[in-house]
Each structure stands twice: as C-alpha cells, then as structure tokens.
N, C-alpha and C. Protein backbone atom coordinates (compact mmCIF):
# COMPACT_ATOMS: atom_id res chain seq x y z
N UNK A 1 21.06 -2.81 -32.83
CA UNK A 1 20.78 -3.64 -31.68
C UNK A 1 21.76 -3.38 -30.53
N UNK A 2 23.08 -3.20 -30.79
CA UNK A 2 23.99 -2.89 -29.68
C UNK A 2 23.56 -1.61 -28.95
N UNK A 3 22.99 -0.68 -29.69
CA UNK A 3 22.56 0.57 -29.07
C UNK A 3 21.44 0.31 -28.06
N UNK A 4 20.50 -0.58 -28.40
CA UNK A 4 19.43 -0.94 -27.48
C UNK A 4 20.00 -1.56 -26.20
N UNK A 5 21.00 -2.42 -26.36
CA UNK A 5 21.65 -3.03 -25.19
C UNK A 5 22.27 -1.98 -24.29
N UNK A 6 22.93 -1.00 -24.89
CA UNK A 6 23.55 0.08 -24.10
C UNK A 6 22.49 0.88 -23.36
N UNK A 7 21.38 1.14 -24.01
CA UNK A 7 20.30 1.89 -23.37
C UNK A 7 19.74 1.10 -22.18
N UNK A 8 19.53 -0.20 -22.37
CA UNK A 8 19.01 -1.03 -21.28
C UNK A 8 19.97 -1.07 -20.09
N UNK A 9 21.26 -1.17 -20.37
CA UNK A 9 22.26 -1.16 -19.29
C UNK A 9 22.19 0.15 -18.53
N UNK A 10 22.06 1.26 -19.22
CA UNK A 10 21.97 2.57 -18.56
C UNK A 10 20.72 2.67 -17.69
N UNK A 11 19.63 2.07 -18.14
CA UNK A 11 18.40 2.10 -17.36
C UNK A 11 18.49 1.22 -16.12
N UNK A 12 19.17 0.08 -16.21
CA UNK A 12 19.30 -0.83 -15.09
C UNK A 12 20.40 -0.42 -14.12
N UNK A 13 21.41 0.27 -14.59
CA UNK A 13 22.60 0.58 -13.79
C UNK A 13 22.28 1.25 -12.45
N UNK A 14 21.40 2.28 -12.40
CA UNK A 14 21.14 2.90 -11.09
C UNK A 14 20.62 1.91 -10.06
N UNK A 15 19.76 0.99 -10.47
CA UNK A 15 19.24 -0.01 -9.55
C UNK A 15 20.32 -0.96 -9.07
N UNK A 16 21.22 -1.34 -9.97
CA UNK A 16 22.32 -2.23 -9.61
C UNK A 16 23.25 -1.54 -8.63
N UNK A 17 23.60 -0.29 -8.92
CA UNK A 17 24.48 0.48 -8.03
C UNK A 17 23.82 0.65 -6.66
N UNK A 18 22.52 0.98 -6.66
CA UNK A 18 21.80 1.15 -5.40
C UNK A 18 21.85 -0.13 -4.58
N UNK A 19 21.53 -1.27 -5.20
CA UNK A 19 21.52 -2.55 -4.48
C UNK A 19 22.89 -2.88 -3.92
N UNK A 20 23.94 -2.64 -4.71
CA UNK A 20 25.30 -2.92 -4.25
C UNK A 20 25.67 -2.00 -3.08
N UNK A 21 25.32 -0.72 -3.18
CA UNK A 21 25.63 0.23 -2.12
C UNK A 21 24.88 -0.14 -0.84
N UNK A 22 23.58 -0.34 -0.95
CA UNK A 22 22.77 -0.65 0.22
C UNK A 22 23.19 -1.97 0.86
N UNK A 23 23.39 -3.00 0.06
CA UNK A 23 23.78 -4.30 0.59
C UNK A 23 25.10 -4.27 1.33
N UNK A 24 26.03 -3.44 0.88
CA UNK A 24 27.32 -3.34 1.54
C UNK A 24 27.28 -2.53 2.83
N UNK A 25 26.28 -1.67 2.96
CA UNK A 25 26.20 -0.79 4.12
C UNK A 25 25.21 -1.27 5.18
N UNK A 26 24.20 -1.96 4.74
CA UNK A 26 23.16 -2.45 5.66
C UNK A 26 22.83 -3.89 5.28
N UNK A 27 23.68 -4.83 5.72
CA UNK A 27 23.49 -6.23 5.33
C UNK A 27 22.09 -6.73 5.67
N UNK A 28 21.51 -7.48 4.74
CA UNK A 28 20.18 -8.04 4.94
C UNK A 28 19.06 -7.04 4.81
N UNK A 29 19.35 -5.85 4.26
CA UNK A 29 18.34 -4.81 4.15
C UNK A 29 17.18 -5.26 3.26
N UNK A 30 15.98 -5.03 3.75
CA UNK A 30 14.77 -5.28 2.97
C UNK A 30 13.83 -4.10 3.16
N UNK A 31 13.05 -3.84 2.13
CA UNK A 31 12.11 -2.72 2.19
C UNK A 31 11.08 -2.97 3.29
N UNK A 32 10.91 -1.97 4.15
CA UNK A 32 9.93 -2.03 5.23
C UNK A 32 8.66 -1.29 4.86
N UNK A 33 8.82 -0.12 4.23
CA UNK A 33 7.67 0.69 3.86
C UNK A 33 8.04 1.67 2.77
N UNK A 34 7.01 2.25 2.15
CA UNK A 34 7.24 3.25 1.11
C UNK A 34 6.07 4.22 1.09
N UNK A 35 6.37 5.44 0.64
CA UNK A 35 5.35 6.47 0.59
C UNK A 35 5.80 7.57 -0.37
N UNK A 36 4.84 8.32 -0.87
CA UNK A 36 5.13 9.48 -1.71
C UNK A 36 4.85 10.73 -0.88
N UNK A 37 5.84 11.64 -0.83
CA UNK A 37 5.66 12.88 -0.08
C UNK A 37 5.15 13.97 -1.01
N UNK A 38 4.09 14.64 -0.57
CA UNK A 38 3.49 15.73 -1.34
C UNK A 38 3.52 17.01 -0.52
N UNK A 39 3.72 18.11 -1.21
CA UNK A 39 3.67 19.43 -0.58
C UNK A 39 2.74 20.29 -1.42
N UNK A 40 1.68 20.77 -0.79
CA UNK A 40 0.64 21.53 -1.48
C UNK A 40 0.11 20.78 -2.70
N UNK A 41 -0.02 19.46 -2.55
CA UNK A 41 -0.56 18.62 -3.61
C UNK A 41 0.44 18.17 -4.65
N UNK A 42 1.64 18.74 -4.64
CA UNK A 42 2.67 18.36 -5.62
C UNK A 42 3.53 17.23 -5.06
N UNK A 43 3.65 16.16 -5.82
CA UNK A 43 4.51 15.04 -5.41
C UNK A 43 5.97 15.47 -5.54
N UNK A 44 6.72 15.42 -4.42
CA UNK A 44 8.12 15.82 -4.43
C UNK A 44 9.07 14.63 -4.56
N UNK A 45 8.79 13.56 -3.80
CA UNK A 45 9.66 12.39 -3.87
C UNK A 45 8.93 11.14 -3.40
N UNK A 46 9.43 10.01 -3.89
CA UNK A 46 9.03 8.70 -3.38
C UNK A 46 10.08 8.30 -2.36
N UNK A 47 9.65 7.81 -1.22
CA UNK A 47 10.57 7.39 -0.16
C UNK A 47 10.39 5.91 0.12
N UNK A 48 11.51 5.25 0.41
CA UNK A 48 11.48 3.84 0.81
C UNK A 48 12.38 3.66 2.04
N UNK A 49 11.86 2.95 3.03
CA UNK A 49 12.60 2.65 4.25
C UNK A 49 13.07 1.21 4.19
N UNK A 50 14.35 1.00 4.48
CA UNK A 50 14.93 -0.34 4.52
C UNK A 50 15.43 -0.62 5.93
N UNK A 51 15.11 -1.80 6.42
CA UNK A 51 15.58 -2.24 7.74
C UNK A 51 16.18 -3.64 7.58
N UNK A 52 17.02 -4.07 8.52
CA UNK A 52 17.56 -5.43 8.43
C UNK A 52 16.43 -6.46 8.43
N UNK A 53 16.35 -7.24 7.37
CA UNK A 53 15.33 -8.27 7.27
C UNK A 53 13.91 -7.73 7.16
N UNK A 54 13.75 -6.42 6.89
CA UNK A 54 12.42 -5.83 6.82
C UNK A 54 11.75 -5.71 8.18
N UNK A 55 12.57 -5.73 9.24
CA UNK A 55 12.05 -5.67 10.62
C UNK A 55 11.33 -4.35 10.88
N UNK A 56 10.52 -4.35 11.92
CA UNK A 56 9.83 -3.14 12.34
C UNK A 56 10.85 -2.03 12.58
N UNK A 57 10.49 -0.80 12.21
CA UNK A 57 11.39 0.34 12.40
C UNK A 57 11.66 0.56 13.88
N UNK A 58 12.94 0.82 14.19
CA UNK A 58 13.36 1.14 15.56
C UNK A 58 14.52 2.11 15.49
N UNK A 59 14.50 3.12 16.34
CA UNK A 59 15.61 4.06 16.40
C UNK A 59 16.89 3.38 16.89
N UNK A 60 16.78 2.25 17.53
CA UNK A 60 17.97 1.59 18.08
C UNK A 60 18.66 0.65 17.09
N UNK A 61 18.11 0.48 15.90
CA UNK A 61 18.74 -0.37 14.88
C UNK A 61 19.05 0.48 13.64
N UNK A 62 20.13 0.14 12.95
CA UNK A 62 20.46 0.87 11.73
C UNK A 62 19.40 0.63 10.66
N UNK A 63 19.26 1.62 9.78
CA UNK A 63 18.28 1.56 8.70
C UNK A 63 18.75 2.45 7.56
N UNK A 64 18.05 2.38 6.45
CA UNK A 64 18.38 3.22 5.30
C UNK A 64 17.10 3.84 4.76
N UNK A 65 17.23 5.04 4.23
CA UNK A 65 16.11 5.76 3.63
C UNK A 65 16.53 6.19 2.24
N UNK A 66 15.72 5.83 1.26
CA UNK A 66 15.98 6.23 -0.12
C UNK A 66 14.90 7.20 -0.56
N UNK A 67 15.32 8.33 -1.13
CA UNK A 67 14.39 9.29 -1.73
C UNK A 67 14.65 9.33 -3.23
N UNK A 68 13.61 9.10 -4.02
CA UNK A 68 13.69 9.24 -5.47
C UNK A 68 12.89 10.47 -5.84
N UNK A 69 13.57 11.48 -6.36
CA UNK A 69 12.93 12.77 -6.61
C UNK A 69 12.05 12.72 -7.85
N UNK A 70 10.88 13.34 -7.73
CA UNK A 70 9.90 13.37 -8.80
C UNK A 70 9.90 14.70 -9.53
N UNK A 71 10.77 15.58 -9.11
CA UNK A 71 10.94 16.89 -9.76
C UNK A 71 12.30 17.44 -9.38
N UNK A 72 12.76 18.42 -10.12
CA UNK A 72 14.05 19.04 -9.85
C UNK A 72 13.94 19.94 -8.62
N UNK A 73 14.98 19.89 -7.78
CA UNK A 73 15.09 20.78 -6.62
C UNK A 73 16.53 21.23 -6.51
N UNK A 74 16.72 22.47 -6.10
CA UNK A 74 18.08 23.00 -5.98
C UNK A 74 18.72 22.56 -4.66
N UNK A 75 20.04 22.57 -4.66
CA UNK A 75 20.79 22.28 -3.44
C UNK A 75 20.34 23.21 -2.31
N UNK A 76 20.17 24.48 -2.63
CA UNK A 76 19.73 25.47 -1.64
C UNK A 76 18.39 25.05 -1.02
N UNK A 77 17.43 24.67 -1.86
CA UNK A 77 16.12 24.26 -1.35
C UNK A 77 16.23 23.03 -0.46
N UNK A 78 17.06 22.07 -0.85
CA UNK A 78 17.24 20.86 -0.04
C UNK A 78 17.86 21.18 1.31
N UNK A 79 18.93 21.96 1.30
CA UNK A 79 19.62 22.29 2.55
C UNK A 79 18.73 23.14 3.46
N UNK A 80 18.18 24.20 2.92
CA UNK A 80 17.37 25.10 3.76
C UNK A 80 16.11 24.41 4.26
N UNK A 81 15.49 23.59 3.42
CA UNK A 81 14.32 22.83 3.86
C UNK A 81 14.66 21.86 4.98
N UNK A 82 15.81 21.21 4.86
CA UNK A 82 16.27 20.28 5.90
C UNK A 82 16.51 21.03 7.21
N UNK A 83 17.20 22.16 7.13
CA UNK A 83 17.48 22.94 8.35
C UNK A 83 16.20 23.45 9.00
N UNK A 84 15.23 23.90 8.18
CA UNK A 84 13.95 24.36 8.73
C UNK A 84 13.23 23.24 9.48
N UNK A 85 13.22 22.05 8.87
CA UNK A 85 12.53 20.92 9.51
C UNK A 85 13.26 20.47 10.77
N UNK A 86 14.57 20.49 10.75
CA UNK A 86 15.32 20.12 11.95
C UNK A 86 15.05 21.12 13.07
N UNK A 87 14.98 22.38 12.72
CA UNK A 87 14.69 23.42 13.72
C UNK A 87 13.27 23.21 14.28
N UNK A 88 12.33 22.94 13.40
CA UNK A 88 10.94 22.73 13.82
C UNK A 88 10.82 21.54 14.78
N UNK A 89 11.71 20.57 14.61
CA UNK A 89 11.69 19.37 15.44
C UNK A 89 12.56 19.47 16.69
N UNK A 90 13.09 20.65 16.99
CA UNK A 90 13.83 20.74 18.24
C UNK A 90 15.14 21.48 18.21
N UNK A 91 15.24 22.51 17.43
CA UNK A 91 16.45 23.33 17.44
C UNK A 91 17.26 23.19 16.17
N UNK A 92 17.75 24.31 15.71
CA UNK A 92 18.53 24.31 14.48
C UNK A 92 19.98 23.93 14.78
N UNK A 93 20.42 22.82 14.24
CA UNK A 93 21.81 22.42 14.45
C UNK A 93 22.73 23.25 13.56
N UNK A 94 23.97 23.33 13.92
CA UNK A 94 24.96 24.06 13.13
C UNK A 94 25.51 23.13 12.05
N UNK A 95 24.67 22.84 11.06
CA UNK A 95 25.04 21.89 10.01
C UNK A 95 25.06 22.50 8.62
N UNK A 96 24.91 23.80 8.50
CA UNK A 96 24.80 24.43 7.19
C UNK A 96 25.91 23.98 6.24
N UNK A 97 27.15 24.16 6.64
CA UNK A 97 28.28 23.83 5.76
C UNK A 97 28.32 22.34 5.45
N UNK A 98 28.06 21.51 6.45
CA UNK A 98 28.08 20.06 6.23
C UNK A 98 27.00 19.63 5.25
N UNK A 99 25.80 20.19 5.38
CA UNK A 99 24.72 19.82 4.46
C UNK A 99 25.01 20.28 3.04
N UNK A 100 25.65 21.42 2.89
CA UNK A 100 26.01 21.86 1.53
C UNK A 100 27.05 20.92 0.91
N UNK A 101 27.87 20.27 1.73
CA UNK A 101 28.80 19.26 1.20
C UNK A 101 28.06 17.97 0.84
N UNK A 102 27.02 17.67 1.58
CA UNK A 102 26.28 16.41 1.38
C UNK A 102 25.32 16.48 0.20
N UNK A 103 24.64 17.59 0.06
CA UNK A 103 23.55 17.70 -0.91
C UNK A 103 24.01 18.38 -2.19
N UNK A 104 23.25 18.18 -3.23
CA UNK A 104 23.50 18.80 -4.53
C UNK A 104 22.15 19.00 -5.20
N UNK A 105 22.12 19.75 -6.29
CA UNK A 105 20.89 19.87 -7.05
C UNK A 105 20.43 18.48 -7.45
N UNK A 106 19.12 18.26 -7.49
CA UNK A 106 18.59 16.99 -7.96
C UNK A 106 17.64 17.24 -9.13
N UNK A 107 17.60 16.26 -10.01
CA UNK A 107 16.69 16.27 -11.15
C UNK A 107 15.67 15.15 -10.95
N UNK A 108 14.62 15.17 -11.71
CA UNK A 108 13.63 14.10 -11.67
C UNK A 108 14.34 12.76 -11.90
N UNK A 109 14.09 11.81 -11.01
CA UNK A 109 14.69 10.48 -11.12
C UNK A 109 15.95 10.28 -10.29
N UNK A 110 16.55 11.36 -9.79
CA UNK A 110 17.74 11.22 -8.94
C UNK A 110 17.37 10.55 -7.62
N UNK A 111 18.32 9.78 -7.09
CA UNK A 111 18.11 9.04 -5.84
C UNK A 111 19.13 9.46 -4.79
N UNK A 112 18.63 9.85 -3.63
CA UNK A 112 19.49 10.05 -2.47
C UNK A 112 19.26 8.88 -1.54
N UNK A 113 20.34 8.31 -1.04
CA UNK A 113 20.28 7.23 -0.08
C UNK A 113 20.97 7.70 1.19
N UNK A 114 20.29 7.59 2.32
CA UNK A 114 20.88 7.90 3.62
C UNK A 114 20.90 6.61 4.43
N UNK A 115 22.07 6.26 4.95
CA UNK A 115 22.23 5.02 5.71
C UNK A 115 22.81 5.37 7.08
N UNK A 116 22.16 4.87 8.13
CA UNK A 116 22.63 5.16 9.48
C UNK A 116 23.73 4.19 9.88
N UNK A 117 24.59 4.68 10.77
CA UNK A 117 25.65 3.85 11.34
C UNK A 117 25.71 4.21 12.83
N UNK A 118 24.76 3.65 13.57
CA UNK A 118 24.64 3.99 14.98
C UNK A 118 23.91 5.31 15.17
N UNK A 119 23.82 5.78 16.41
CA UNK A 119 23.06 7.00 16.69
C UNK A 119 23.76 8.29 16.29
N UNK A 120 25.05 8.21 15.98
CA UNK A 120 25.83 9.43 15.78
C UNK A 120 26.42 9.58 14.38
N UNK A 121 25.90 8.81 13.40
CA UNK A 121 26.51 8.88 12.06
C UNK A 121 25.48 8.50 10.98
N UNK A 122 25.41 9.33 9.93
CA UNK A 122 24.56 9.07 8.77
C UNK A 122 25.38 9.34 7.52
N UNK A 123 25.37 8.40 6.58
CA UNK A 123 26.06 8.57 5.31
C UNK A 123 25.07 8.83 4.19
N UNK A 124 25.53 9.57 3.17
CA UNK A 124 24.67 9.96 2.05
C UNK A 124 25.31 9.58 0.72
N UNK A 125 24.46 9.07 -0.18
CA UNK A 125 24.87 8.73 -1.54
C UNK A 125 23.86 9.33 -2.50
N UNK A 126 24.36 9.97 -3.55
CA UNK A 126 23.51 10.50 -4.61
C UNK A 126 23.76 9.68 -5.86
N UNK A 127 22.74 8.98 -6.31
CA UNK A 127 22.84 8.13 -7.50
C UNK A 127 24.02 7.16 -7.41
N UNK A 128 24.23 6.61 -6.21
CA UNK A 128 25.27 5.61 -6.01
C UNK A 128 26.65 6.14 -5.69
N UNK A 129 26.82 7.46 -5.68
CA UNK A 129 28.12 8.06 -5.36
C UNK A 129 28.05 8.68 -3.97
N UNK A 130 28.98 8.28 -3.11
CA UNK A 130 28.98 8.82 -1.75
C UNK A 130 29.27 10.31 -1.79
N UNK A 131 28.46 11.07 -1.05
CA UNK A 131 28.67 12.52 -0.97
C UNK A 131 29.26 12.93 0.37
N UNK A 132 28.88 12.26 1.47
CA UNK A 132 29.43 12.66 2.77
C UNK A 132 28.94 11.74 3.88
N UNK A 133 29.50 11.97 5.06
CA UNK A 133 29.00 11.42 6.32
C UNK A 133 28.73 12.60 7.24
N UNK A 134 27.60 12.58 7.93
CA UNK A 134 27.33 13.53 9.00
C UNK A 134 27.62 12.81 10.31
N UNK A 135 28.44 13.43 11.15
CA UNK A 135 28.80 12.85 12.44
C UNK A 135 28.45 13.83 13.55
N UNK A 136 27.96 13.32 14.65
CA UNK A 136 27.70 14.16 15.80
C UNK A 136 26.71 13.49 16.73
N UNK A 137 26.72 13.90 17.99
CA UNK A 137 25.83 13.29 18.98
C UNK A 137 24.37 13.33 18.53
N UNK A 138 23.77 12.15 18.41
CA UNK A 138 22.34 12.05 18.08
C UNK A 138 21.95 12.47 16.68
N UNK A 139 22.90 12.60 15.76
CA UNK A 139 22.59 13.11 14.42
C UNK A 139 21.62 12.20 13.67
N UNK A 140 21.70 10.90 13.91
CA UNK A 140 20.79 9.98 13.21
C UNK A 140 19.35 10.38 13.47
N UNK A 141 19.01 10.50 14.72
CA UNK A 141 17.62 10.83 15.05
C UNK A 141 17.27 12.25 14.65
N UNK A 142 18.18 13.19 14.87
CA UNK A 142 17.89 14.59 14.55
C UNK A 142 17.61 14.77 13.06
N UNK A 143 18.37 14.08 12.22
CA UNK A 143 18.15 14.21 10.78
C UNK A 143 16.93 13.39 10.34
N UNK A 144 16.87 12.14 10.74
CA UNK A 144 15.84 11.24 10.24
C UNK A 144 14.45 11.53 10.80
N UNK A 145 14.36 12.29 11.89
CA UNK A 145 13.04 12.67 12.42
C UNK A 145 12.22 13.45 11.41
N UNK A 146 12.89 14.09 10.47
CA UNK A 146 12.19 14.83 9.41
C UNK A 146 11.22 13.89 8.70
N UNK A 147 11.63 12.65 8.50
CA UNK A 147 10.85 11.67 7.74
C UNK A 147 10.15 10.64 8.61
N UNK A 148 10.77 10.28 9.73
CA UNK A 148 10.32 9.12 10.50
C UNK A 148 9.90 9.43 11.93
N UNK A 149 9.98 10.68 12.33
CA UNK A 149 9.67 11.05 13.71
C UNK A 149 8.18 11.16 13.99
N UNK A 150 7.87 11.48 15.23
CA UNK A 150 6.48 11.61 15.65
C UNK A 150 5.88 12.97 15.31
N UNK A 151 6.71 13.91 14.85
CA UNK A 151 6.25 15.27 14.58
C UNK A 151 6.51 15.66 13.12
N UNK A 152 6.32 14.74 12.20
CA UNK A 152 6.57 15.05 10.79
C UNK A 152 5.44 15.91 10.23
N UNK A 153 5.67 16.48 9.07
CA UNK A 153 4.65 17.30 8.42
C UNK A 153 3.46 16.47 7.95
N UNK A 154 3.68 15.18 7.70
CA UNK A 154 2.61 14.31 7.22
C UNK A 154 2.65 12.99 7.97
N UNK A 155 1.75 12.85 8.91
CA UNK A 155 1.73 11.61 9.70
C UNK A 155 1.36 10.40 8.85
N UNK A 156 0.49 10.59 7.85
CA UNK A 156 0.12 9.45 7.00
C UNK A 156 1.31 9.00 6.17
N UNK A 157 2.11 9.95 5.68
CA UNK A 157 3.34 9.62 4.95
C UNK A 157 4.26 8.80 5.85
N UNK A 158 4.45 9.26 7.08
CA UNK A 158 5.36 8.58 8.01
C UNK A 158 4.85 7.19 8.36
N UNK A 159 3.56 7.04 8.58
CA UNK A 159 3.00 5.71 8.88
C UNK A 159 3.26 4.74 7.73
N UNK A 160 3.00 5.18 6.51
CA UNK A 160 3.24 4.30 5.35
C UNK A 160 4.72 3.99 5.21
N UNK A 161 5.56 5.00 5.40
CA UNK A 161 7.00 4.79 5.26
C UNK A 161 7.52 3.81 6.31
N UNK A 162 7.01 3.92 7.51
CA UNK A 162 7.44 3.02 8.60
C UNK A 162 6.78 1.63 8.48
N UNK A 163 5.87 1.49 7.54
CA UNK A 163 5.21 0.20 7.34
C UNK A 163 4.26 -0.16 8.45
N UNK A 164 3.65 0.88 9.06
CA UNK A 164 2.72 0.60 10.16
C UNK A 164 1.31 1.06 9.84
C-alpha cells in the first residue's frame, strides 16, 4: 500500500509544481483556452493559455502558455522549429544560443511553461524547473506570435487557444 501512495504522489506532483509555479508568476491565472496542435495529422502537443482571471487575451497584459508534449522531440527540433517560425513571422532573431539554453529534449508528457513579464521578457520552465529567461525588445510578441499571432500555421488552433 505505501508503494501505491508513492505512485499517486508522483502522478500528482507535476500538477502541483505547475500550479505553484504559475500562481507565483502570474497571480490570478485562469485557463482562457486550450487546443491540440497537429502537424501533418500528428498531434504534437496540447496547449493551454492562462490569463489573469481568464480575461480575454491581450498583448498588453501578461499571460502564460503551457505546452504538454504528446510525443518525444529533440532539443534541436524545438530550437530550429522555433527559429523557423520566428523568421516566417518577421525576421530571424539572433536567439540560437539563448534558445539552446532554454530548451531541452522532451518526452511524451513533458510540460513547458512560458510566462511573460512585460513586452521584453519571457521565462521558461520545463516540468516545473526554470530553464531560462529570454530578454530583449519585443521578445514576448516575437516568440509568442508562433502560437498566438495573426499569422500562425493553424488559425483554428490559435482561435481555440485564445478562447475566441
């Protein structure tokens, strides 16, 4: 029986860590929208958008985005995919080294949390452990446009994620 208790704690722990991390970084955060992102029919991740009080999404207010991966992806794929999408949305930023510090290989079930802190700062947590902060003019919008902008790869995904 003690073994069952330990297993249950391990299953609940990621959710507890996530709630503690999110609550400390974005007070009053509530889920605004959620969506599953697919590429060529394959589900890659479930995404959830959190805003203060579940308010309508706005670039002028802080928010958080959680991605729960549905399959394993390499750090290289995450970084290069991010850079490609940022370039597609308006120019490739010089973020290669910073993104390699932020990202890591992910397995099915891993959670990345990105929390904004104004227009010039985004923090990242992998499974509740902080990996980095990206700082720079307009970085919040430049990074988050991949998921929440007007020119995403999937407008239906973005609409559901934004809760509209």
